[in-house]
């Protein structure tokens, strides 16, 4: 997808160089910026990589002026997960409700933008690219882990609690954390919702605006220095306004 008049273009990685460009941006954001790690991270080459990468599609956003990759998304369809033997999220969450549904699944992960492009149009192009991919592959349910920075649960009690009380997935989509970290840490009446939502990362808020849900329980990922929640987006449950926001890649805080 390339609008000649636009600053950005979007494509799925086709070559080893495309993949390395995605892994280099992930290294910049997840390792240098956020302090994450992993057994296959290549610090010498500056690449954040893992054993799952060869099975995924990698969506790249380019700045046409520089030719640099400034945004990435990692995508795994159900048929690709069958070849891999699992979804990435299954290390952290029991996905039985989604697997039992018989619906076409797409796992999302490793979403990031270069720090110089946050808060601008680049994210809209990433969303537009994702919407086109969903339509092409007739995806029915999107899901994936999304992260709060850090592993201090006390600092995250309110935002986790507001997600649990206000956005918990319906039972037919309610995946559950395998190493269960309760999110119901503050009574609903005691939550300062505005303060809590200020601590919720913008990517998670974007999914919630589209009608997304969270699974039951968080997962503390010490290797990546994050506290994860599993987000689920059912395309059938999105109302017309949310669907329009999604397909147009627009939306405001």
C-alpha atoms as a PDB file:
ATOM      1  CA  UNK A   1       0.000   0.000   0.000  1.00  0.00           C
ATOM      2  CA  UNK A   2       1.707   3.164  -1.205  1.00  0.00           C
ATOM      3  CA  UNK A   3       0.096   6.555  -1.712  1.00  0.00           C
ATOM      4  CA  UNK A   4       2.549   8.463  -3.875  1.00  0.00           C
ATOM      5  CA  UNK A   5       1.651  11.774  -2.236  1.00  0.00           C
ATOM      6  CA  UNK A   6       2.014  10.416   1.246  1.00  0.00           C
ATOM      7  CA  UNK A   7       4.923  10.350   3.652  1.00  0.00           C
ATOM      8  CA  UNK A   8       4.411   6.686   4.552  1.00  0.00           C
ATOM      9  CA  UNK A   9       3.942   3.335   2.860  1.00  0.00           C
ATOM     10  CA  UNK A  10       3.071  -0.088   4.257  1.00  0.00           C
ATOM     11  CA  UNK A  11       4.060  -3.581   3.120  1.00  0.00           C
ATOM     12  CA  UNK A  12       4.538  -7.134   4.347  1.00  0.00           C
ATOM     13  CA  UNK A  13       8.197  -8.172   4.679  1.00  0.00           C
ATOM     14  CA  UNK A  14       9.346 -10.226   1.687  1.00  0.00           C
ATOM     15  CA  UNK A  15      13.109 -10.579   2.130  1.00  0.00           C
ATOM     16  CA  UNK A  16      15.652 -11.290   4.853  1.00  0.00           C
ATOM     17  CA  UNK A  17      16.631  -7.605   4.746  1.00  0.00           C
ATOM     18  CA  UNK A  18      12.998  -6.610   5.344  1.00  0.00           C
ATOM     19  CA  UNK A  19      12.878  -8.881   8.387  1.00  0.00           C
ATOM     20  CA  UNK A  20      16.166  -7.526   9.746  1.00  0.00           C
ATOM     21  CA  UNK A  21      14.861  -3.973   9.379  1.00  0.00           C
ATOM     22  CA  UNK A  22      11.858  -4.949  11.505  1.00  0.00           C
ATOM     23  CA  UNK A  23      14.073  -6.660  14.084  1.00  0.00           C
ATOM     24  CA  UNK A  24      16.372  -3.609  14.228  1.00  0.00           C
ATOM     25  CA  UNK A  25      13.462  -1.294  15.047  1.00  0.00           C
ATOM     26  CA  UNK A  26      12.210  -3.767  17.640  1.00  0.00           C
ATOM     27  CA  UNK A  27      15.700  -3.796  19.202  1.00  0.00           C
ATOM     28  CA  UNK A  28      15.728   0.013  19.366  1.00  0.00           C
ATOM     29  CA  UNK A  29      12.329   0.127  21.101  1.00  0.00           C
ATOM     30  CA  UNK A  30      12.075  -3.058  23.174  1.00  0.00           C
ATOM     31  CA  UNK A  31      15.714  -3.529  24.194  1.00  0.00           C
ATOM     32  CA  UNK A  32      17.408  -0.100  24.182  1.00  0.00           C
ATOM     33  CA  UNK A  33      14.381   1.940  25.173  1.00  0.00           C
ATOM     34  CA  UNK A  34      12.369  -0.424  27.391  1.00  0.00           C
ATOM     35  CA  UNK A  35      15.087  -2.713  28.758  1.00  0.00           C
ATOM     36  CA  UNK A  36      13.738  -5.981  27.381  1.00  0.00           C
ATOM     37  CA  UNK A  37      15.738  -9.044  26.460  1.00  0.00           C
ATOM     38  CA  UNK A  38      15.534 -12.634  25.302  1.00  0.00           C
ATOM     39  CA  UNK A  39      17.777 -15.579  24.585  1.00  0.00           C
ATOM     40  CA  UNK A  40      18.002 -14.932  20.831  1.00  0.00           C
ATOM     41  CA  UNK A  41      18.518 -11.161  20.973  1.00  0.00           C
ATOM     42  CA  UNK A  42      21.599 -10.232  18.916  1.00  0.00           C
ATOM     43  CA  UNK A  43      23.181  -7.321  20.763  1.00  0.00           C
ATOM     44  CA  UNK A  44      26.152  -7.097  18.376  1.00  0.00           C
ATOM     45  CA  UNK A  45      23.937  -6.683  15.313  1.00  0.00           C
ATOM     46  CA  UNK A  46      21.210  -4.794  17.226  1.00  0.00           C
ATOM     47  CA  UNK A  47      18.407  -7.239  16.357  1.00  0.00           C
ATOM     48  CA  UNK A  48      15.485  -8.239  18.612  1.00  0.00           C
ATOM     49  CA  UNK A  49      14.552 -11.680  17.309  1.00  0.00           C
ATOM     50  CA  UNK A  50      13.088 -14.964  18.507  1.00  0.00           C
ATOM     51  CA  UNK A  51      12.273 -18.454  17.295  1.00  0.00           C
ATOM     52  CA  UNK A  52       8.775 -17.381  16.227  1.00  0.00           C
ATOM     53  CA  UNK A  53       9.849 -14.787  13.633  1.00  0.00           C
ATOM     54  CA  UNK A  54      10.120 -17.162  10.623  1.00  0.00           C
ATOM     55  CA  UNK A  55       6.462 -18.175  10.988  1.00  0.00           C
ATOM     56  CA  UNK A  56       4.967 -14.678  11.207  1.00  0.00           C
ATOM     57  CA  UNK A  57       4.095 -12.061   8.624  1.00  0.00           C
ATOM     58  CA  UNK A  58       5.854  -8.796   9.439  1.00  0.00           C
ATOM     59  CA  UNK A  59       4.051  -5.574   8.517  1.00  0.00           C
ATOM     60  CA  UNK A  60       6.414  -2.651   7.959  1.00  0.00           C
ATOM     61  CA  UNK A  61       5.718   1.085   7.775  1.00  0.00           C
ATOM     62  CA  UNK A  62       8.292   3.080   5.829  1.00  0.00           C
ATOM     63  CA  UNK A  63       9.063   6.782   5.873  1.00  0.00           C
ATOM     64  CA  UNK A  64       9.202   7.362   2.125  1.00  0.00           C
ATOM     65  CA  UNK A  65      11.507  10.351   2.543  1.00  0.00           C
ATOM     66  CA  UNK A  66      14.261   8.316   4.216  1.00  0.00           C
ATOM     67  CA  UNK A  67      13.447   4.747   3.199  1.00  0.00           C
ATOM     68  CA  UNK A  68      13.666   3.769   6.870  1.00  0.00           C
ATOM     69  CA  UNK A  69      11.319   1.333   8.619  1.00  0.00           C
ATOM     70  CA  UNK A  70       9.657   3.354  11.380  1.00  0.00           C
ATOM     71  CA  UNK A  71       6.816   1.041  12.417  1.00  0.00           C
ATOM     72  CA  UNK A  72       6.235  -2.713  12.627  1.00  0.00           C
ATOM     73  CA  UNK A  73       3.537  -5.233  13.493  1.00  0.00           C
ATOM     74  CA  UNK A  74       3.974  -9.001  13.763  1.00  0.00           C
ATOM     75  CA  UNK A  75       1.022 -11.079  12.503  1.00  0.00           C
ATOM     76  CA  UNK A  76       0.272 -14.799  12.866  1.00  0.00           C
ATOM     77  CA  UNK A  77      -2.806 -16.370  11.288  1.00  0.00           C
ATOM     78  CA  UNK A  78      -4.301 -19.617  12.542  1.00  0.00           C
ATOM     79  CA  UNK A  79      -2.925 -21.580   9.574  1.00  0.00           C
ATOM     80  CA  UNK A  80       0.577 -20.273  10.305  1.00  0.00           C
ATOM     81  CA  UNK A  81       0.193 -21.161  14.003  1.00  0.00           C
ATOM     82  CA  UNK A  82      -0.690 -24.717  12.973  1.00  0.00           C
ATOM     83  CA  UNK A  83       2.698 -24.984  11.238  1.00  0.00           C
ATOM     84  CA  UNK A  84       4.476 -23.483  14.233  1.00  0.00           C
ATOM     85  CA  UNK A  85       2.552 -25.713  16.651  1.00  0.00           C
ATOM     86  CA  UNK A  86       1.279 -22.845  18.809  1.00  0.00           C
ATOM     87  CA  UNK A  87       0.443 -19.174  18.966  1.00  0.00           C
ATOM     88  CA  UNK A  88       3.090 -16.960  20.576  1.00  0.00           C
ATOM     89  CA  UNK A  89       0.599 -15.973  23.298  1.00  0.00           C
ATOM     90  CA  UNK A  90       0.158 -19.603  24.368  1.00  0.00           C
ATOM     91  CA  UNK A  91       3.359 -19.362  26.387  1.00  0.00           C
ATOM     92  CA  UNK A  92       1.417 -16.940  28.601  1.00  0.00           C
ATOM     93  CA  UNK A  93      -2.306 -17.588  28.079  1.00  0.00           C
ATOM     94  CA  UNK A  94      -4.665 -20.556  27.747  1.00  0.00           C
ATOM     95  CA  UNK A  95      -6.287 -19.821  24.397  1.00  0.00           C
ATOM     96  CA  UNK A  96      -8.771 -22.724  24.537  1.00  0.00           C
ATOM     97  CA  UNK A  97     -11.871 -20.483  24.181  1.00  0.00           C
ATOM     98  CA  UNK A  98     -10.501 -18.997  20.939  1.00  0.00           C
ATOM     99  CA  UNK A  99      -9.369 -22.344  19.568  1.00  0.00           C
ATOM    100  CA  UNK A 100     -12.757 -23.917  20.342  1.00  0.00           C
ATOM    101  CA  UNK A 101     -14.579 -21.137  18.509  1.00  0.00           C
ATOM    102  CA  UNK A 102     -13.624 -22.463  15.078  1.00  0.00           C
ATOM    103  CA  UNK A 103     -13.318 -18.861  13.870  1.00  0.00           C
ATOM    104  CA  UNK A 104     -10.477 -17.405  11.802  1.00  0.00           C
ATOM    105  CA  UNK A 105      -7.875 -16.075  14.240  1.00  0.00           C
ATOM    106  CA  UNK A 106      -5.069 -13.529  13.879  1.00  0.00           C
ATOM    107  CA  UNK A 107      -2.475 -12.978  16.586  1.00  0.00           C
ATOM    108  CA  UNK A 108      -0.888  -9.539  16.806  1.00  0.00           C
ATOM    109  CA  UNK A 109       2.381  -8.711  18.515  1.00  0.00           C
ATOM    110  CA  UNK A 110       5.618  -6.719  18.652  1.00  0.00           C
ATOM    111  CA  UNK A 111       3.839  -3.533  17.610  1.00  0.00           C
ATOM    112  CA  UNK A 112       6.080  -0.505  17.861  1.00  0.00           C
ATOM    113  CA  UNK A 113       6.862   2.860  16.319  1.00  0.00           C
ATOM    114  CA  UNK A 114      10.172   4.703  16.299  1.00  0.00           C
ATOM    115  CA  UNK A 115      10.103   7.344  19.031  1.00  0.00           C
ATOM    116  CA  UNK A 116      10.251  10.209  16.497  1.00  0.00           C
ATOM    117  CA  UNK A 117       6.977   9.108  14.875  1.00  0.00           C
ATOM    118  CA  UNK A 118       4.714   8.554  17.858  1.00  0.00           C
ATOM    119  CA  UNK A 119       1.544  10.591  18.123  1.00  0.00           C
ATOM    120  CA  UNK A 120       1.467  11.294  14.378  1.00  0.00           C
ATOM    121  CA  UNK A 121       0.147   9.750  11.188  1.00  0.00           C
ATOM    122  CA  UNK A 122       2.416   6.681  11.163  1.00  0.00           C
ATOM    123  CA  UNK A 123       0.171   4.739  13.553  1.00  0.00           C
ATOM    124  CA  UNK A 124      -2.821   5.370  11.278  1.00  0.00           C
ATOM    125  CA  UNK A 125      -0.941   3.760   8.402  1.00  0.00           C
ATOM    126  CA  UNK A 126      -0.141   0.760  10.577  1.00  0.00           C
ATOM    127  CA  UNK A 127      -3.854   0.443  11.478  1.00  0.00           C
ATOM    128  CA  UNK A 128      -4.876   0.842   7.825  1.00  0.00           C
ATOM    129  CA  UNK A 129      -2.420  -1.848   6.790  1.00  0.00           C
ATOM    130  CA  UNK A 130      -3.784  -4.132   9.492  1.00  0.00           C
ATOM    131  CA  UNK A 131      -7.383  -3.492   8.388  1.00  0.00           C
ATOM    132  CA  UNK A 132      -6.494  -4.416   4.792  1.00  0.00           C
ATOM    133  CA  UNK A 133      -4.764  -7.605   5.990  1.00  0.00           C
ATOM    134  CA  UNK A 134      -7.795  -8.576   8.102  1.00  0.00           C
ATOM    135  CA  UNK A 135     -10.128  -8.073   5.132  1.00  0.00           C
ATOM    136  CA  UNK A 136      -7.857 -10.004   2.745  1.00  0.00           C
ATOM    137  CA  UNK A 137      -7.625 -13.039   5.031  1.00  0.00           C
ATOM    138  CA  UNK A 138     -11.233 -12.811   6.298  1.00  0.00           C
ATOM    139  CA  UNK A 139     -10.084 -12.680   9.924  1.00  0.00           C
ATOM    140  CA  UNK A 140     -12.850 -12.887  12.535  1.00  0.00           C
ATOM    141  CA  UNK A 141     -11.025 -12.553  15.863  1.00  0.00           C
ATOM    142  CA  UNK A 142      -7.808 -10.622  16.534  1.00  0.00           C
ATOM    143  CA  UNK A 143      -5.848 -11.087  19.750  1.00  0.00           C
ATOM    144  CA  UNK A 144      -2.422 -10.708  21.286  1.00  0.00           C
ATOM    145  CA  UNK A 145      -0.531  -9.718  24.388  1.00  0.00           C
ATOM    146  CA  UNK A 146      -0.015  -6.019  25.029  1.00  0.00           C
ATOM    147  CA  UNK A 147       2.229  -4.669  27.703  1.00  0.00           C
ATOM    148  CA  UNK A 148       2.541  -2.252  30.551  1.00  0.00           C
ATOM    149  CA  UNK A 149       6.164  -1.256  31.122  1.00  0.00           C
ATOM    150  CA  UNK A 150       7.617  -2.700  34.314  1.00  0.00           C
ATOM    151  CA  UNK A 151       6.715  -5.551  36.641  1.00  0.00           C
ATOM    152  CA  UNK A 152       5.697  -3.653  39.806  1.00  0.00           C
ATOM    153  CA  UNK A 153       2.080  -4.745  40.282  1.00  0.00           C
ATOM    154  CA  UNK A 154       1.487  -2.185  43.051  1.00  0.00           C
ATOM    155  CA  UNK A 155       2.139   0.607  40.551  1.00  0.00           C
ATOM    156  CA  UNK A 156      -0.334  -0.947  38.091  1.00  0.00           C
ATOM    157  CA  UNK A 157      -3.174  -1.883  40.449  1.00  0.00           C
ATOM    158  CA  UNK A 158      -5.626   0.785  39.279  1.00  0.00           C
ATOM    159  CA  UNK A 159      -5.157   0.443  35.501  1.00  0.00           C
ATOM    160  CA  UNK A 160      -5.311  -3.353  35.708  1.00  0.00           C
ATOM    161  CA  UNK A 161      -8.433  -3.150  37.861  1.00  0.00           C
ATOM    162  CA  UNK A 162     -10.228  -0.787  35.467  1.00  0.00           C
ATOM    163  CA  UNK A 163      -9.483  -3.171  32.595  1.00  0.00           C
ATOM    164  CA  UNK A 164     -10.880  -6.082  34.618  1.00  0.00           C
ATOM    165  CA  UNK A 165     -14.030  -4.298  35.767  1.00  0.00           C
ATOM    166  CA  UNK A 166     -14.890  -2.476  32.533  1.00  0.00           C
ATOM    167  CA  UNK A 167     -13.412  -4.508  29.670  1.00  0.00           C
ATOM    168  CA  UNK A 168     -13.294  -8.194  30.665  1.00  0.00           C
ATOM    169  CA  UNK A 169     -13.955 -10.487  27.702  1.00  0.00           C
ATOM    170  CA  UNK A 170     -17.257 -12.380  27.460  1.00  0.00           C
ATOM    171  CA  UNK A 171     -16.963 -16.009  28.507  1.00  0.00           C
ATOM    172  CA  UNK A 172     -16.762 -17.357  24.944  1.00  0.00           C
ATOM    173  CA  UNK A 173     -13.594 -15.288  24.349  1.00  0.00           C
ATOM    174  CA  UNK A 174     -12.178 -15.207  27.902  1.00  0.00           C
ATOM    175  CA  UNK A 175      -8.660 -16.567  27.710  1.00  0.00           C
ATOM    176  CA  UNK A 176      -6.844 -16.985  31.029  1.00  0.00           C
ATOM    177  CA  UNK A 177      -3.297 -16.276  32.152  1.00  0.00           C
ATOM    178  CA  UNK A 178      -1.259 -19.446  32.756  1.00  0.00           C
ATOM    179  CA  UNK A 179       0.770 -17.913  35.601  1.00  0.00           C
ATOM    180  CA  UNK A 180      -2.185 -16.076  37.015  1.00  0.00           C
ATOM    181  CA  UNK A 181      -1.703 -12.514  38.197  1.00  0.00           C
ATOM    182  CA  UNK A 182      -5.110 -11.217  39.375  1.00  0.00           C
ATOM    183  CA  UNK A 183      -6.199  -7.895  37.880  1.00  0.00           C
ATOM    184  CA  UNK A 184      -9.125  -7.383  40.268  1.00  0.00           C
ATOM    185  CA  UNK A 185      -6.884  -5.531  42.717  1.00  0.00           C
ATOM    186  CA  UNK A 186      -9.026  -2.482  43.530  1.00  0.00           C
ATOM    187  CA  UNK A 187     -12.774  -2.403  44.121  1.00  0.00           C
ATOM    188  CA  UNK A 188     -14.582  -0.776  41.201  1.00  0.00           C
ATOM    189  CA  UNK A 189     -16.069   1.933  43.435  1.00  0.00           C
ATOM    190  CA  UNK A 190     -12.592   2.899  44.656  1.00  0.00           C
ATOM    191  CA  UNK A 191     -10.993   3.403  41.228  1.00  0.00           C
ATOM    192  CA  UNK A 192     -10.125   6.900  40.035  1.00  0.00           C
ATOM    193  CA  UNK A 193     -10.931   6.065  36.422  1.00  0.00           C
ATOM    194  CA  UNK A 194      -9.276   9.103  34.873  1.00  0.00           C
ATOM    195  CA  UNK A 195      -6.047   8.531  36.765  1.00  0.00           C
ATOM    196  CA  UNK A 196      -6.152   4.825  35.962  1.00  0.00           C
ATOM    197  CA  UNK A 197      -6.678   5.342  32.231  1.00  0.00           C
ATOM    198  CA  UNK A 198      -3.766   7.778  32.056  1.00  0.00           C
ATOM    199  CA  UNK A 199      -1.541   4.824  32.980  1.00  0.00           C
ATOM    200  CA  UNK A 200      -2.978   2.553  30.266  1.00  0.00           C
ATOM    201  CA  UNK A 201      -0.676   2.453  27.198  1.00  0.00           C
ATOM    202  CA  UNK A 202      -2.061   4.119  24.078  1.00  0.00           C
ATOM    203  CA  UNK A 203      -2.064   0.873  22.074  1.00  0.00           C
ATOM    204  CA  UNK A 204      -4.303  -0.832  24.659  1.00  0.00           C
ATOM    205  CA  UNK A 205      -6.626   2.202  24.696  1.00  0.00           C
ATOM    206  CA  UNK A 206      -6.840   2.035  20.908  1.00  0.00           C
ATOM    207  CA  UNK A 207      -8.060  -1.578  21.077  1.00  0.00           C
ATOM    208  CA  UNK A 208     -10.579  -0.680  23.783  1.00  0.00           C
ATOM    209  CA  UNK A 209     -11.963   2.144  21.624  1.00  0.00           C
ATOM    210  CA  UNK A 210     -12.550  -0.408  18.881  1.00  0.00           C
ATOM    211  CA  UNK A 211     -14.565  -2.571  21.259  1.00  0.00           C
ATOM    212  CA  UNK A 212     -11.732  -4.805  22.411  1.00  0.00           C
ATOM    213  CA  UNK A 213     -11.695  -6.900  25.580  1.00  0.00           C
ATOM    214  CA  UNK A 214      -9.033  -8.224  27.938  1.00  0.00           C
ATOM    215  CA  UNK A 215      -8.546 -11.800  29.076  1.00  0.00           C
ATOM    216  CA  UNK A 216      -8.728 -13.001  32.661  1.00  0.00           C
ATOM    217  CA  UNK A 217      -5.555 -12.214  34.574  1.00  0.00           C
ATOM    218  CA  UNK A 218      -2.268 -10.522  33.710  1.00  0.00           C
ATOM    219  CA  UNK A 219       1.079 -12.203  33.076  1.00  0.00           C
ATOM    220  CA  UNK A 220       4.368 -10.850  34.440  1.00  0.00           C
ATOM    221  CA  UNK A 221       7.114 -11.177  31.815  1.00  0.00           C
ATOM    222  CA  UNK A 222      10.387 -10.671  33.672  1.00  0.00           C
ATOM    223  CA  UNK A 223      12.581 -11.241  30.588  1.00  0.00           C
ATOM    224  CA  UNK A 224      10.857  -8.390  28.751  1.00  0.00           C
ATOM    225  CA  UNK A 225      10.383  -6.233  31.885  1.00  0.00           C
ATOM    226  CA  UNK A 226       6.628  -5.979  31.232  1.00  0.00           C
ATOM    227  CA  UNK A 227       3.250  -6.822  32.698  1.00  0.00           C
ATOM    228  CA  UNK A 228       1.118  -8.274  29.918  1.00  0.00           C
ATOM    229  CA  UNK A 229      -2.602  -8.448  29.281  1.00  0.00           C
ATOM    230  CA  UNK A 230      -4.246 -10.393  26.468  1.00  0.00           C
ATOM    231  CA  UNK A 231      -6.394  -8.245  24.193  1.00  0.00           C
ATOM    232  CA  UNK A 232      -9.183  -9.770  22.100  1.00  0.00           C
ATOM    233  CA  UNK A 233     -11.075  -8.018  19.304  1.00  0.00           C
ATOM    234  CA  UNK A 234     -14.121  -9.748  17.809  1.00  0.00           C
ATOM    235  CA  UNK A 235     -14.955  -8.198  14.436  1.00  0.00           C
ATOM    236  CA  UNK A 236     -18.619  -9.249  14.794  1.00  0.00           C
ATOM    237  CA  UNK A 237     -18.975  -7.359  18.074  1.00  0.00           C
ATOM    238  CA  UNK A 238     -17.607  -4.090  16.709  1.00  0.00           C
ATOM    239  CA  UNK A 239     -20.442  -1.618  16.200  1.00  0.00           C
ATOM    240  CA  UNK A 240     -20.630   0.485  13.040  1.00  0.00           C
ATOM    241  CA  UNK A 241     -18.849   3.470  14.499  1.00  0.00           C
ATOM    242  CA  UNK A 242     -16.010   1.340  15.824  1.00  0.00           C
ATOM    243  CA  UNK A 243     -15.808  -0.568  12.558  1.00  0.00           C
ATOM    244  CA  UNK A 244     -15.575   2.675  10.620  1.00  0.00           C
ATOM    245  CA  UNK A 245     -12.795   3.933  12.883  1.00  0.00           C
ATOM    246  CA  UNK A 246     -10.978   0.669  12.386  1.00  0.00           C
ATOM    247  CA  UNK A 247     -11.204   0.518   8.596  1.00  0.00           C
ATOM    248  CA  UNK A 248     -10.296   4.175   8.220  1.00  0.00           C
ATOM    249  CA  UNK A 249      -7.508   3.957  10.770  1.00  0.00           C
ATOM    250  CA  UNK A 250      -8.783   7.022  12.556  1.00  0.00           C
ATOM    251  CA  UNK A 251      -9.517   7.683  16.181  1.00  0.00           C
ATOM    252  CA  UNK A 252      -8.653  10.099  18.952  1.00  0.00           C
ATOM    253  CA  UNK A 253      -7.939   9.776  22.602  1.00  0.00           C
END
